[in-house]
Amino acid sequence: MDAQPYKNFFSRQIPSPPQLSPRELIRVRLEKLNSIPTVPAIIRPLIHYMDKPIEQVDVKRVVDMVSCDEAITAQCLRMANSALYFRSQDVRTVHGAVIILGVQQVREILMACSLLHLLPKGQWTINPSALWKHSLGCAVVSRQFARRLRYPEPDKAYLAGLLHDLGQLVNFIALPSEYQTVLEKAVKEKCALHVAESAVLGFNHCESGRIVAVHWKLNEELVEVIQHHHDPQQARLQPGLAAIVSLSDQFCRRVGLGLGYEETFGGDLLDDSAWEVLALEFPRFGRAKLEEYSSEILEFARNSIQLVDSLFPA
């Protein structure tokens, strides 16, 4: 009898250890972390609360939510007393701050501050607080861009912009030593962080962000933006929303609302493929109009630095 089949059979009994895919590696490490599972208890209620129609929001409840956290209270008072609101007298109470700012603005501060509380401890090549400045800037710019394009849900664009780099937080926490190498490469080469991630890790924060967004049970449209904000042409549910966030991310990085390090940009922003996605999703806007909006939104991003700095003072 030919022994070859038996040789093949026994050789299959001792396979080499399987190589984990980047997705599996992130998932395995997330399962071992104690910090990640507690995050939804802080963030998820705020996300759902932001989805509630503004006319159904109780101002007293908002005041109560703000008052329970000293950091958020301080942020609201700082914002209400900032030059953005041209107050002749100081605002000294939470109720007064809520009235001045409006419920929508306060909800956004709640969200931004809650994300800030997730900041991992430790020393990093890049200051992690820059991540939240960039995220808030991208949120504000995404909403403004959505309004100009007459996208029907500009607040969804705000939330998508705020959460688009969620995967960077995941990588900070789950891959601390590897991510340090990523950050050093990005700073040294002045390249985009997702480019450095792909070179060092073999994947980027879009993939790790998608994993944790699914774990948190965020809606599919937010998951898609988190996954495809660097390649919106791959989005299927709402490619227009992914393109809005993708371009807003670039607007912010080009005016200095990036991750706190100098980044070199290759090519003209108007050559980005996200514009083609917008042209398909919003056909009533011709290319010339989109280019006009590009200049306008870029200037809006530049002006948003004051707003971001008021929430995240040095």
C-alpha atoms as a PDB file:
ATOM      1  CA  MET A   1       0.000   0.000   0.000  1.00  0.00           C
ATOM      2  CA  ASP A   2       1.225   3.493  -0.861  1.00  0.00           C
ATOM      3  CA  ALA A   3       2.422   5.211   2.316  1.00  0.00           C
ATOM      4  CA  GLN A   4       2.140   8.714   0.893  1.00  0.00           C
ATOM      5  CA  PRO A   5      -1.510   9.315   1.957  1.00  0.00           C
ATOM      6  CA  TYR A   6      -0.650   8.352   5.541  1.00  0.00           C
ATOM      7  CA  LYS A   7       2.356  10.638   5.478  1.00  0.00           C
ATOM      8  CA  ASN A   8       0.137  13.492   4.359  1.00  0.00           C
ATOM      9  CA  PHE A   9      -2.448  12.653   7.009  1.00  0.00           C
ATOM     10  CA  PHE A  10       0.021  12.679   9.883  1.00  0.00           C
ATOM     11  CA  SER A  11       1.705  15.824   8.645  1.00  0.00           C
ATOM     12  CA  ARG A  12      -1.646  17.570   8.931  1.00  0.00           C
ATOM     13  CA  GLN A  13      -2.003  16.629  12.566  1.00  0.00           C
ATOM     14  CA  ILE A  14       0.757  19.041  13.646  1.00  0.00           C
ATOM     15  CA  PRO A  15       0.003  22.318  11.854  1.00  0.00           C
ATOM     16  CA  SER A  16       2.197  25.334  12.406  1.00  0.00           C
ATOM     17  CA  PRO A  17       0.731  27.922  14.815  1.00  0.00           C
ATOM     18  CA  PRO A  18      -1.831  30.018  12.929  1.00  0.00           C
ATOM     19  CA  GLN A  19      -0.940  33.635  12.248  1.00  0.00           C
ATOM     20  CA  LEU A  20      -3.547  36.003  13.607  1.00  0.00           C
ATOM     21  CA  SER A  21      -4.909  38.556  11.177  1.00  0.00           C
ATOM     22  CA  PRO A  22      -4.712  42.212  12.272  1.00  0.00           C
ATOM     23  CA  ARG A  23      -8.442  42.115  12.992  1.00  0.00           C
ATOM     24  CA  GLU A  24      -8.095  39.000  15.180  1.00  0.00           C
ATOM     25  CA  LEU A  25      -5.047  40.426  16.945  1.00  0.00           C
ATOM     26  CA  ILE A  26      -6.892  43.615  17.895  1.00  0.00           C
ATOM     27  CA  ARG A  27      -9.953  41.640  19.001  1.00  0.00           C
ATOM     28  CA  VAL A  28      -7.882  39.304  21.188  1.00  0.00           C
ATOM     29  CA  ARG A  29      -6.121  42.214  22.848  1.00  0.00           C
ATOM     30  CA  LEU A  30      -9.350  44.140  23.370  1.00  0.00           C
ATOM     31  CA  GLU A  31     -10.856  41.151  25.141  1.00  0.00           C
ATOM     32  CA  LYS A  32      -7.974  41.244  27.621  1.00  0.00           C
ATOM     33  CA  LEU A  33      -8.393  44.937  28.425  1.00  0.00           C
ATOM     34  CA  ASN A  34     -10.390  46.093  31.413  1.00  0.00           C
ATOM     35  CA  SER A  35     -10.764  49.699  30.242  1.00  0.00           C
ATOM     36  CA  ILE A  36     -12.512  49.228  26.908  1.00  0.00           C
ATOM     37  CA  PRO A  37     -15.652  47.391  28.149  1.00  0.00           C
ATOM     38  CA  THR A  38     -16.431  50.242  30.555  1.00  0.00           C
ATOM     39  CA  VAL A  39     -16.413  52.859  27.830  1.00  0.00           C
ATOM     40  CA  PRO A  40     -19.939  52.233  26.462  1.00  0.00           C
ATOM     41  CA  ALA A  41     -21.416  52.994  29.896  1.00  0.00           C
ATOM     42  CA  ILE A  42     -20.069  56.540  29.504  1.00  0.00           C
ATOM     43  CA  ILE A  43     -20.424  57.158  25.793  1.00  0.00           C
ATOM     44  CA  ARG A  44     -23.386  55.160  24.509  1.00  0.00           C
ATOM     45  CA  PRO A  45     -26.085  57.014  26.516  1.00  0.00           C
ATOM     46  CA  LEU A  46     -24.709  60.339  25.282  1.00  0.00           C
ATOM     47  CA  ILE A  47     -24.725  59.147  21.688  1.00  0.00           C
ATOM     48  CA  HIS A  48     -28.351  58.087  21.985  1.00  0.00           C
ATOM     49  CA  TYR A  49     -29.197  61.308  23.809  1.00  0.00           C
ATOM     50  CA  MET A  50     -27.719  63.349  20.974  1.00  0.00           C
ATOM     51  CA  ASP A  51     -30.041  61.539  18.578  1.00  0.00           C
ATOM     52  CA  LYS A  52     -33.070  62.816  20.472  1.00  0.00           C
ATOM     53  CA  PRO A  53     -34.968  65.683  18.775  1.00  0.00           C
ATOM     54  CA  ILE A  54     -33.857  68.991  20.239  1.00  0.00           C
ATOM     55  CA  GLU A  55     -37.434  70.034  21.069  1.00  0.00           C
ATOM     56  CA  GLN A  56     -37.782  66.990  23.335  1.00  0.00           C
ATOM     57  CA  VAL A  57     -34.752  67.850  25.453  1.00  0.00           C
ATOM     58  CA  ASP A  58     -35.408  69.046  29.008  1.00  0.00           C
ATOM     59  CA  VAL A  59     -33.127  71.954  29.936  1.00  0.00           C
ATOM     60  CA  LYS A  60     -33.270  70.996  33.624  1.00  0.00           C
ATOM     61  CA  ARG A  61     -32.047  67.521  32.787  1.00  0.00           C
ATOM     62  CA  VAL A  62     -29.203  68.982  30.781  1.00  0.00           C
ATOM     63  CA  VAL A  63     -28.255  71.207  33.728  1.00  0.00           C
ATOM     64  CA  ASP A  64     -28.307  68.149  36.007  1.00  0.00           C
ATOM     65  CA  MET A  65     -26.093  66.196  33.596  1.00  0.00           C
ATOM     66  CA  VAL A  66     -23.600  69.036  33.421  1.00  0.00           C
ATOM     67  CA  SER A  67     -23.584  69.643  37.173  1.00  0.00           C
ATOM     68  CA  CYS A  68     -22.625  66.065  38.019  1.00  0.00           C
ATOM     69  CA  ASP A  69     -19.159  66.486  36.527  1.00  0.00           C
ATOM     70  CA  GLU A  70     -16.776  69.234  37.595  1.00  0.00           C
ATOM     71  CA  ALA A  71     -14.728  69.078  34.401  1.00  0.00           C
ATOM     72  CA  ILE A  72     -17.786  69.409  32.178  1.00  0.00           C
ATOM     73  CA  THR A  73     -19.134  72.236  34.346  1.00  0.00           C
ATOM     74  CA  ALA A  74     -15.838  74.085  33.973  1.00  0.00           C
ATOM     75  CA  GLN A  75     -15.848  73.575  30.217  1.00  0.00           C
ATOM     76  CA  CYS A  76     -19.394  74.907  29.862  1.00  0.00           C
ATOM     77  CA  LEU A  77     -18.637  77.990  31.953  1.00  0.00           C
ATOM     78  CA  ARG A  78     -15.390  78.587  30.061  1.00  0.00           C
ATOM     79  CA  MET A  79     -17.214  78.351  26.738  1.00  0.00           C
ATOM     80  CA  ALA A  80     -20.113  80.569  27.832  1.00  0.00           C
ATOM     81  CA  ASN A  81     -17.656  83.235  28.981  1.00  0.00           C
ATOM     82  CA  SER A  82     -15.439  83.017  25.905  1.00  0.00           C
ATOM     83  CA  ALA A  83     -15.121  85.761  23.323  1.00  0.00           C
ATOM     84  CA  LEU A  84     -17.258  83.662  20.986  1.00  0.00           C
ATOM     85  CA  TYR A  85     -20.408  84.798  22.827  1.00  0.00           C
ATOM     86  CA  PHE A  86     -19.537  88.473  23.472  1.00  0.00           C
ATOM     87  CA  ARG A  87     -20.933  88.544  27.027  1.00  0.00           C
ATOM     88  CA  SER A  88     -20.856  91.860  28.918  1.00  0.00           C
ATOM     89  CA  GLN A  89     -21.039  90.035  32.273  1.00  0.00           C
ATOM     90  CA  ASP A  90     -19.514  86.784  33.483  1.00  0.00           C
ATOM     91  CA  VAL A  91     -21.709  83.675  33.502  1.00  0.00           C
ATOM     92  CA  ARG A  92     -21.351  82.047  36.921  1.00  0.00           C
ATOM     93  CA  THR A  93     -23.985  79.275  37.027  1.00  0.00           C
ATOM     94  CA  VAL A  94     -24.529  76.082  35.062  1.00  0.00           C
ATOM     95  CA  HIS A  95     -28.099  77.146  34.295  1.00  0.00           C
ATOM     96  CA  GLY A  96     -26.856  80.441  32.904  1.00  0.00           C
ATOM     97  CA  ALA A  97     -24.244  78.650  30.809  1.00  0.00           C
ATOM     98  CA  VAL A  98     -26.859  76.277  29.374  1.00  0.00           C
ATOM     99  CA  ILE A  99     -29.109  79.186  28.441  1.00  0.00           C
ATOM    100  CA  ILE A 100     -26.246  81.077  26.781  1.00  0.00           C
ATOM    101  CA  LEU A 101     -24.832  78.087  24.938  1.00  0.00           C
ATOM    102  CA  GLY A 102     -28.055  76.346  24.013  1.00  0.00           C
ATOM    103  CA  VAL A 103     -28.885  72.691  24.532  1.00  0.00           C
ATOM    104  CA  GLN A 104     -27.205  71.546  21.308  1.00  0.00           C
ATOM    105  CA  GLN A 105     -23.883  73.156  22.195  1.00  0.00           C
ATOM    106  CA  VAL A 106     -23.993  71.732  25.711  1.00  0.00           C
ATOM    107  CA  ARG A 107     -24.699  68.242  24.413  1.00  0.00           C
ATOM    108  CA  GLU A 108     -21.651  68.560  22.186  1.00  0.00           C
ATOM    109  CA  ILE A 109     -19.511  69.669  25.125  1.00  0.00           C
ATOM    110  CA  LEU A 110     -20.776  66.684  27.123  1.00  0.00           C
ATOM    111  CA  MET A 111     -19.753  64.365  24.321  1.00  0.00           C
ATOM    112  CA  ALA A 112     -16.341  65.942  23.807  1.00  0.00           C
ATOM    113  CA  CYS A 113     -15.554  65.957  27.545  1.00  0.00           C
ATOM    114  CA  SER A 114     -16.648  62.351  27.944  1.00  0.00           C
ATOM    115  CA  LEU A 115     -14.299  61.320  25.165  1.00  0.00           C
ATOM    116  CA  LEU A 116     -11.516  63.294  26.847  1.00  0.00           C
ATOM    117  CA  HIS A 117     -12.009  61.239  30.013  1.00  0.00           C
ATOM    118  CA  LEU A 118     -11.088  58.140  27.998  1.00  0.00           C
ATOM    119  CA  LEU A 119      -7.607  59.509  27.393  1.00  0.00           C
ATOM    120  CA  PRO A 120      -5.061  56.803  28.221  1.00  0.00           C
ATOM    121  CA  LYS A 121      -2.449  57.592  30.822  1.00  0.00           C
ATOM    122  CA  GLY A 122       1.215  57.643  29.936  1.00  0.00           C
ATOM    123  CA  GLN A 123       3.790  59.411  27.837  1.00  0.00           C
ATOM    124  CA  TRP A 124       3.420  59.378  24.064  1.00  0.00           C
ATOM    125  CA  THR A 125       5.375  60.758  21.141  1.00  0.00           C
ATOM    126  CA  ILE A 126       2.211  62.666  20.218  1.00  0.00           C
ATOM    127  CA  ASN A 127       0.134  64.346  22.920  1.00  0.00           C
ATOM    128  CA  PRO A 128      -3.114  62.315  22.965  1.00  0.00           C
ATOM    129  CA  SER A 129      -5.153  65.449  23.741  1.00  0.00           C
ATOM    130  CA  ALA A 130      -4.407  66.535  20.171  1.00  0.00           C
ATOM    131  CA  LEU A 131      -6.598  63.616  19.093  1.00  0.00           C
ATOM    132  CA  TRP A 132      -9.609  65.170  20.801  1.00  0.00           C
ATOM    133  CA  LYS A 133      -8.887  68.636  19.431  1.00  0.00           C
ATOM    134  CA  HIS A 134      -8.750  67.149  15.971  1.00  0.00           C
ATOM    135  CA  SER A 135     -11.890  65.075  16.544  1.00  0.00           C
ATOM    136  CA  LEU A 136     -13.896  68.055  17.789  1.00  0.00           C
ATOM    137  CA  GLY A 137     -12.626  70.209  14.935  1.00  0.00           C
ATOM    138  CA  CYS A 138     -13.592  67.532  12.434  1.00  0.00           C
ATOM    139  CA  ALA A 139     -17.049  67.284  14.010  1.00  0.00           C
ATOM    140  CA  VAL A 140     -17.701  71.017  13.742  1.00  0.00           C
ATOM    141  CA  VAL A 141     -16.391  71.193  10.179  1.00  0.00           C
ATOM    142  CA  SER A 142     -18.308  68.078   9.103  1.00  0.00           C
ATOM    143  CA  ARG A 143     -21.574  69.589  10.288  1.00  0.00           C
ATOM    144  CA  GLN A 144     -20.921  72.875   8.515  1.00  0.00           C
ATOM    145  CA  PHE A 145     -19.934  71.068   5.320  1.00  0.00           C
ATOM    146  CA  ALA A 146     -23.079  68.900   5.560  1.00  0.00           C
ATOM    147  CA  ARG A 147     -25.237  72.004   5.882  1.00  0.00           C
ATOM    148  CA  ARG A 148     -23.686  73.601   2.807  1.00  0.00           C
ATOM    149  CA  LEU A 149     -24.320  70.415   0.833  1.00  0.00           C
ATOM    150  CA  ARG A 150     -27.869  70.232   2.242  1.00  0.00           C
ATOM    151  CA  TYR A 151     -27.208  66.829   3.693  1.00  0.00           C
ATOM    152  CA  PRO A 152     -30.439  66.062   5.602  1.00  0.00           C
ATOM    153  CA  GLU A 153     -28.813  65.132   8.952  1.00  0.00           C
ATOM    154  CA  PRO A 154     -26.004  67.579   9.766  1.00  0.00           C
ATOM    155  CA  ASP A 155     -25.952  66.512  13.426  1.00  0.00           C
ATOM    156  CA  LYS A 156     -25.201  62.969  12.289  1.00  0.00           C
ATOM    157  CA  ALA A 157     -22.272  64.406  10.355  1.00  0.00           C
ATOM    158  CA  TYR A 158     -21.118  66.101  13.580  1.00  0.00           C
ATOM    159  CA  LEU A 159     -21.233  62.826  15.508  1.00  0.00           C
ATOM    160  CA  ALA A 160     -19.512  60.920  12.698  1.00  0.00           C
ATOM    161  CA  GLY A 161     -16.755  63.535  12.637  1.00  0.00           C
ATOM    162  CA  LEU A 162     -16.354  63.362  16.392  1.00  0.00           C
ATOM    163  CA  LEU A 163     -15.966  59.572  16.393  1.00  0.00           C
ATOM    164  CA  HIS A 164     -14.122  59.029  13.111  1.00  0.00           C
ATOM    165  CA  ASP A 165     -10.719  58.447  14.738  1.00  0.00           C
ATOM    166  CA  LEU A 166     -12.011  56.193  17.494  1.00  0.00           C
ATOM    167  CA  GLY A 167      -9.602  53.511  16.302  1.00  0.00           C
ATOM    168  CA  GLN A 168      -6.640  55.656  17.335  1.00  0.00           C
ATOM    169  CA  LEU A 169      -7.799  55.427  20.952  1.00  0.00           C
ATOM    170  CA  VAL A 170      -8.097  51.655  20.535  1.00  0.00           C
ATOM    171  CA  ASN A 171      -4.573  51.432  19.153  1.00  0.00           C
ATOM    172  CA  PHE A 172      -3.205  53.657  21.932  1.00  0.00           C
ATOM    173  CA  ILE A 173      -4.594  51.276  24.537  1.00  0.00           C
ATOM    174  CA  ALA A 174      -4.384  47.855  22.873  1.00  0.00           C
ATOM    175  CA  LEU A 175      -0.994  48.194  21.173  1.00  0.00           C
ATOM    176  CA  PRO A 176       1.044  50.577  23.348  1.00  0.00           C
ATOM    177  CA  SER A 177       4.562  49.500  22.362  1.00  0.00           C
ATOM    178  CA  GLU A 178       3.788  48.954  18.688  1.00  0.00           C
ATOM    179  CA  TYR A 179       1.906  52.225  18.483  1.00  0.00           C
ATOM    180  CA  GLN A 180       4.823  54.125  19.902  1.00  0.00           C
ATOM    181  CA  THR A 181       6.775  53.023  16.830  1.00  0.00           C
ATOM    182  CA  VAL A 182       3.898  54.163  14.617  1.00  0.00           C
ATOM    183  CA  LEU A 183       3.862  57.615  16.203  1.00  0.00           C
ATOM    184  CA  GLU A 184       7.617  57.995  15.925  1.00  0.00           C
ATOM    185  CA  LYS A 185       7.476  57.090  12.225  1.00  0.00           C
ATOM    186  CA  ALA A 186       4.656  59.582  11.583  1.00  0.00           C
ATOM    187  CA  VAL A 187       6.555  62.395  13.310  1.00  0.00           C
ATOM    188  CA  LYS A 188       9.870  61.588  11.630  1.00  0.00           C
ATOM    189  CA  GLU A 189       8.431  61.230   8.124  1.00  0.00           C
ATOM    190  CA  LYS A 190       5.709  63.874   8.529  1.00  0.00           C
ATOM    191  CA  CYS A 191       3.205  61.455   7.081  1.00  0.00           C
ATOM    192  CA  ALA A 192      -0.458  60.815   7.860  1.00  0.00           C
ATOM    193  CA  LEU A 193      -0.956  58.587  10.881  1.00  0.00           C
ATOM    194  CA  HIS A 194      -2.950  55.962   8.977  1.00  0.00           C
ATOM    195  CA  VAL A 195      -0.059  55.661   6.509  1.00  0.00           C
ATOM    196  CA  ALA A 196       2.418  55.053   9.351  1.00  0.00           C
ATOM    197  CA  GLU A 197       0.023  52.552  10.953  1.00  0.00           C
ATOM    198  CA  SER A 198      -0.292  50.544   7.739  1.00  0.00           C
ATOM    199  CA  ALA A 199       3.489  50.502   7.294  1.00  0.00           C
ATOM    200  CA  VAL A 200       4.247  49.398  10.865  1.00  0.00           C
ATOM    201  CA  LEU A 201       1.202  47.350  11.866  1.00  0.00           C
ATOM    202  CA  GLY A 202      -0.170  46.145   8.552  1.00  0.00           C
ATOM    203  CA  PHE A 203      -3.513  47.808   9.284  1.00  0.00           C
ATOM    204  CA  ASN A 204      -4.718  51.208  10.476  1.00  0.00           C
ATOM    205  CA  HIS A 205      -7.133  52.811  12.931  1.00  0.00           C
ATOM    206  CA  CYS A 206     -10.023  52.465  10.484  1.00  0.00           C
ATOM    207  CA  GLU A 207     -10.033  48.706  11.066  1.00  0.00           C
ATOM    208  CA  SER A 208      -9.553  48.818  14.835  1.00  0.00           C
ATOM    209  CA  GLY A 209     -12.148  51.592  15.063  1.00  0.00           C
ATOM    210  CA  ARG A 210     -14.651  49.477  13.166  1.00  0.00           C
ATOM    211  CA  ILE A 211     -14.100  46.582  15.571  1.00  0.00           C
ATOM    212  CA  VAL A 212     -14.767  48.628  18.702  1.00  0.00           C
ATOM    213  CA  ALA A 213     -17.678  50.513  17.064  1.00  0.00           C
ATOM    214  CA  VAL A 214     -19.365  47.200  16.321  1.00  0.00           C
ATOM    215  CA  HIS A 215     -18.585  46.075  19.878  1.00  0.00           C
ATOM    216  CA  TRP A 216     -20.274  49.223  21.209  1.00  0.00           C
ATOM    217  CA  LYS A 217     -23.263  48.545  18.917  1.00  0.00           C
ATOM    218  CA  LEU A 218     -23.062  51.920  17.193  1.00  0.00           C
ATOM    219  CA  ASN A 219     -25.395  52.280  14.222  1.00  0.00           C
ATOM    220  CA  GLU A 220     -24.176  50.925  10.897  1.00  0.00           C
ATOM    221  CA  GLU A 221     -23.740  54.345   9.286  1.00  0.00           C
ATOM    222  CA  LEU A 222     -21.350  55.500  12.028  1.00  0.00           C
ATOM    223  CA  VAL A 223     -19.470  52.211  11.818  1.00  0.00           C
ATOM    224  CA  GLU A 224     -19.098  52.709   8.075  1.00  0.00           C
ATOM    225  CA  VAL A 225     -17.692  56.227   8.446  1.00  0.00           C
ATOM    226  CA  ILE A 226     -15.228  55.054  11.092  1.00  0.00           C
ATOM    227  CA  GLN A 227     -14.120  52.254   8.770  1.00  0.00           C
ATOM    228  CA  HIS A 228     -13.998  54.214   5.508  1.00  0.00           C
ATOM    229  CA  HIS A 229     -13.160  57.831   6.330  1.00  0.00           C
ATOM    230  CA  HIS A 230      -9.859  57.418   4.459  1.00  0.00           C
ATOM    231  CA  ASP A 231     -11.451  55.620   1.494  1.00  0.00           C
ATOM    232  CA  PRO A 232     -15.057  56.887   1.260  1.00  0.00           C
ATOM    233  CA  GLN A 233     -15.440  55.431  -2.215  1.00  0.00           C
ATOM    234  CA  GLN A 234     -15.658  52.027  -0.475  1.00  0.00           C
ATOM    235  CA  ALA A 235     -18.665  53.064   1.644  1.00  0.00           C
ATOM    236  CA  ARG A 236     -21.993  51.541   0.657  1.00  0.00           C
ATOM    237  CA  LEU A 237     -24.633  52.770   3.114  1.00  0.00           C
ATOM    238  CA  GLN A 238     -23.894  56.507   3.038  1.00  0.00           C
ATOM    239  CA  PRO A 239     -20.831  57.254   0.918  1.00  0.00           C
ATOM    240  CA  GLY A 240     -21.736  60.953   0.959  1.00  0.00           C
ATOM    241  CA  LEU A 241     -21.434  61.067   4.746  1.00  0.00           C
ATOM    242  CA  ALA A 242     -18.124  59.195   4.633  1.00  0.00           C
ATOM    243  CA  ALA A 243     -16.834  61.675   2.015  1.00  0.00           C
ATOM    244  CA  ILE A 244     -17.921  64.677   4.101  1.00  0.00           C
ATOM    245  CA  VAL A 245     -16.003  63.376   7.112  1.00  0.00           C
ATOM    246  CA  SER A 246     -13.025  62.342   4.976  1.00  0.00           C
ATOM    247  CA  LEU A 247     -12.621  65.823   3.524  1.00  0.00           C
ATOM    248  CA  SER A 248     -13.363  67.549   6.835  1.00  0.00           C
ATOM    249  CA  ASP A 249     -10.599  65.475   8.409  1.00  0.00           C
ATOM    250  CA  GLN A 250      -8.201  66.763   5.747  1.00  0.00           C
ATOM    251  CA  PHE A 251      -9.408  70.360   6.044  1.00  0.00           C
ATOM    252  CA  CYS A 252      -8.658  70.271   9.764  1.00  0.00           C
ATOM    253  CA  ARG A 253      -5.237  68.695   9.368  1.00  0.00           C
ATOM    254  CA  ARG A 254      -4.241  71.245   6.718  1.00  0.00           C
ATOM    255  CA  VAL A 255      -5.044  74.246   8.935  1.00  0.00           C
ATOM    256  CA  GLY A 256      -3.229  72.896  11.996  1.00  0.00           C
ATOM    257  CA  LEU A 257      -6.018  70.945  13.699  1.00  0.00           C
ATOM    258  CA  GLY A 258      -4.172  67.684  13.259  1.00  0.00           C
ATOM    259  CA  LEU A 259      -2.451  65.451  15.764  1.00  0.00           C
ATOM    260  CA  GLY A 260       0.061  67.957  17.046  1.00  0.00           C
ATOM    261  CA  TYR A 261       2.900  67.209  14.656  1.00  0.00           C
ATOM    262  CA  GLU A 262       3.911  68.664  11.308  1.00  0.00           C
ATOM    263  CA  GLU A 263       2.426  66.757   8.393  1.00  0.00           C
ATOM    264  CA  THR A 264       3.441  67.020   4.747  1.00  0.00           C
ATOM    265  CA  PHE A 265       0.586  66.884   2.245  1.00  0.00           C
ATOM    266  CA  GLY A 266       1.114  65.614  -1.262  1.00  0.00           C
ATOM    267  CA  GLY A 267      -1.011  66.982  -4.067  1.00  0.00           C
ATOM    268  CA  ASP A 268      -3.999  69.280  -4.208  1.00  0.00           C
ATOM    269  CA  LEU A 269      -6.918  68.520  -1.921  1.00  0.00           C
ATOM    270  CA  LEU A 270      -9.266  69.065  -4.862  1.00  0.00           C
ATOM    271  CA  ASP A 271      -7.756  65.974  -6.506  1.00  0.00           C
ATOM    272  CA  ASP A 272      -8.937  63.730  -3.677  1.00  0.00           C
ATOM    273  CA  SER A 273     -11.326  60.988  -4.808  1.00  0.00           C
ATOM    274  CA  ALA A 274     -13.802  61.993  -2.071  1.00  0.00           C
ATOM    275  CA  TRP A 275     -14.901  64.885  -4.302  1.00  0.00           C
ATOM    276  CA  GLU A 276     -16.035  62.384  -6.930  1.00  0.00           C
ATOM    277  CA  VAL A 277     -18.108  60.650  -4.269  1.00  0.00           C
ATOM    278  CA  LEU A 278     -19.758  63.960  -3.365  1.00  0.00           C
ATOM    279  CA  ALA A 279     -20.417  64.743  -7.031  1.00  0.00           C
ATOM    280  CA  LEU A 280     -22.316  61.452  -7.327  1.00  0.00           C
ATOM    281  CA  GLU A 281     -24.170  61.789  -4.036  1.00  0.00           C
ATOM    282  CA  PHE A 282     -25.047  65.474  -4.455  1.00  0.00           C
ATOM    283  CA  PRO A 283     -25.455  65.857  -8.247  1.00  0.00           C
ATOM    284  CA  ARG A 284     -27.133  69.269  -7.984  1.00  0.00           C
ATOM    285  CA  PHE A 285     -23.713  70.679  -7.066  1.00  0.00           C
ATOM    286  CA  GLY A 286     -21.381  70.965  -9.999  1.00  0.00           C
ATOM    287  CA  ARG A 287     -17.634  70.648  -9.701  1.00  0.00           C
ATOM    288  CA  ALA A 288     -17.191  74.411  -9.691  1.00  0.00           C
ATOM    289  CA  LYS A 289     -19.593  74.783  -6.759  1.00  0.00           C
ATOM    290  CA  LEU A 290     -17.833  72.047  -4.826  1.00  0.00           C
ATOM    291  CA  GLU A 291     -14.530  73.821  -5.354  1.00  0.00           C
ATOM    292  CA  GLU A 292     -16.101  77.023  -4.059  1.00  0.00           C
ATOM    293  CA  TYR A 293     -17.254  75.163  -0.968  1.00  0.00           C
ATOM    294  CA  SER A 294     -13.744  73.775  -0.538  1.00  0.00           C
ATOM    295  CA  SER A 295     -12.326  77.277  -0.026  1.00  0.00           C
ATOM    296  CA  GLU A 296     -15.206  78.221   2.256  1.00  0.00           C
ATOM    297  CA  ILE A 297     -14.963  75.118   4.451  1.00  0.00           C
ATOM    298  CA  LEU A 298     -11.192  75.368   4.640  1.00  0.00           C
ATOM    299  CA  GLU A 299     -11.599  78.892   6.038  1.00  0.00           C
ATOM    300  CA  PHE A 300     -14.295  77.643   8.430  1.00  0.00           C
ATOM    301  CA  ALA A 301     -11.869  74.973   9.674  1.00  0.00           C
ATOM    302  CA  ARG A 302      -9.252  77.649  10.266  1.00  0.00           C
ATOM    303  CA  ASN A 303     -11.740  79.730  12.256  1.00  0.00           C
ATOM    304  CA  SER A 304     -12.790  76.670  14.298  1.00  0.00           C
ATOM    305  CA  ILE A 305      -9.416  76.569  16.027  1.00  0.00           C
ATOM    306  CA  GLN A 306     -10.654  79.206  18.508  1.00  0.00           C
ATOM    307  CA  LEU A 307     -13.673  77.050  19.389  1.00  0.00           C
ATOM    308  CA  VAL A 308     -11.569  73.945  19.872  1.00  0.00           C
ATOM    309  CA  ASP A 309      -8.997  75.761  21.994  1.00  0.00           C
ATOM    310  CA  SER A 310     -11.759  77.096  24.254  1.00  0.00           C
ATOM    311  CA  LEU A 311     -12.745  73.509  25.074  1.00  0.00           C
ATOM    312  CA  PHE A 312      -9.235  72.137  25.260  1.00  0.00           C
ATOM    313  CA  PRO A 313      -7.059  74.907  26.710  1.00  0.00           C
ATOM    314  CA  ALA A 314      -3.321  74.369  26.754  1.00  0.00           C
END
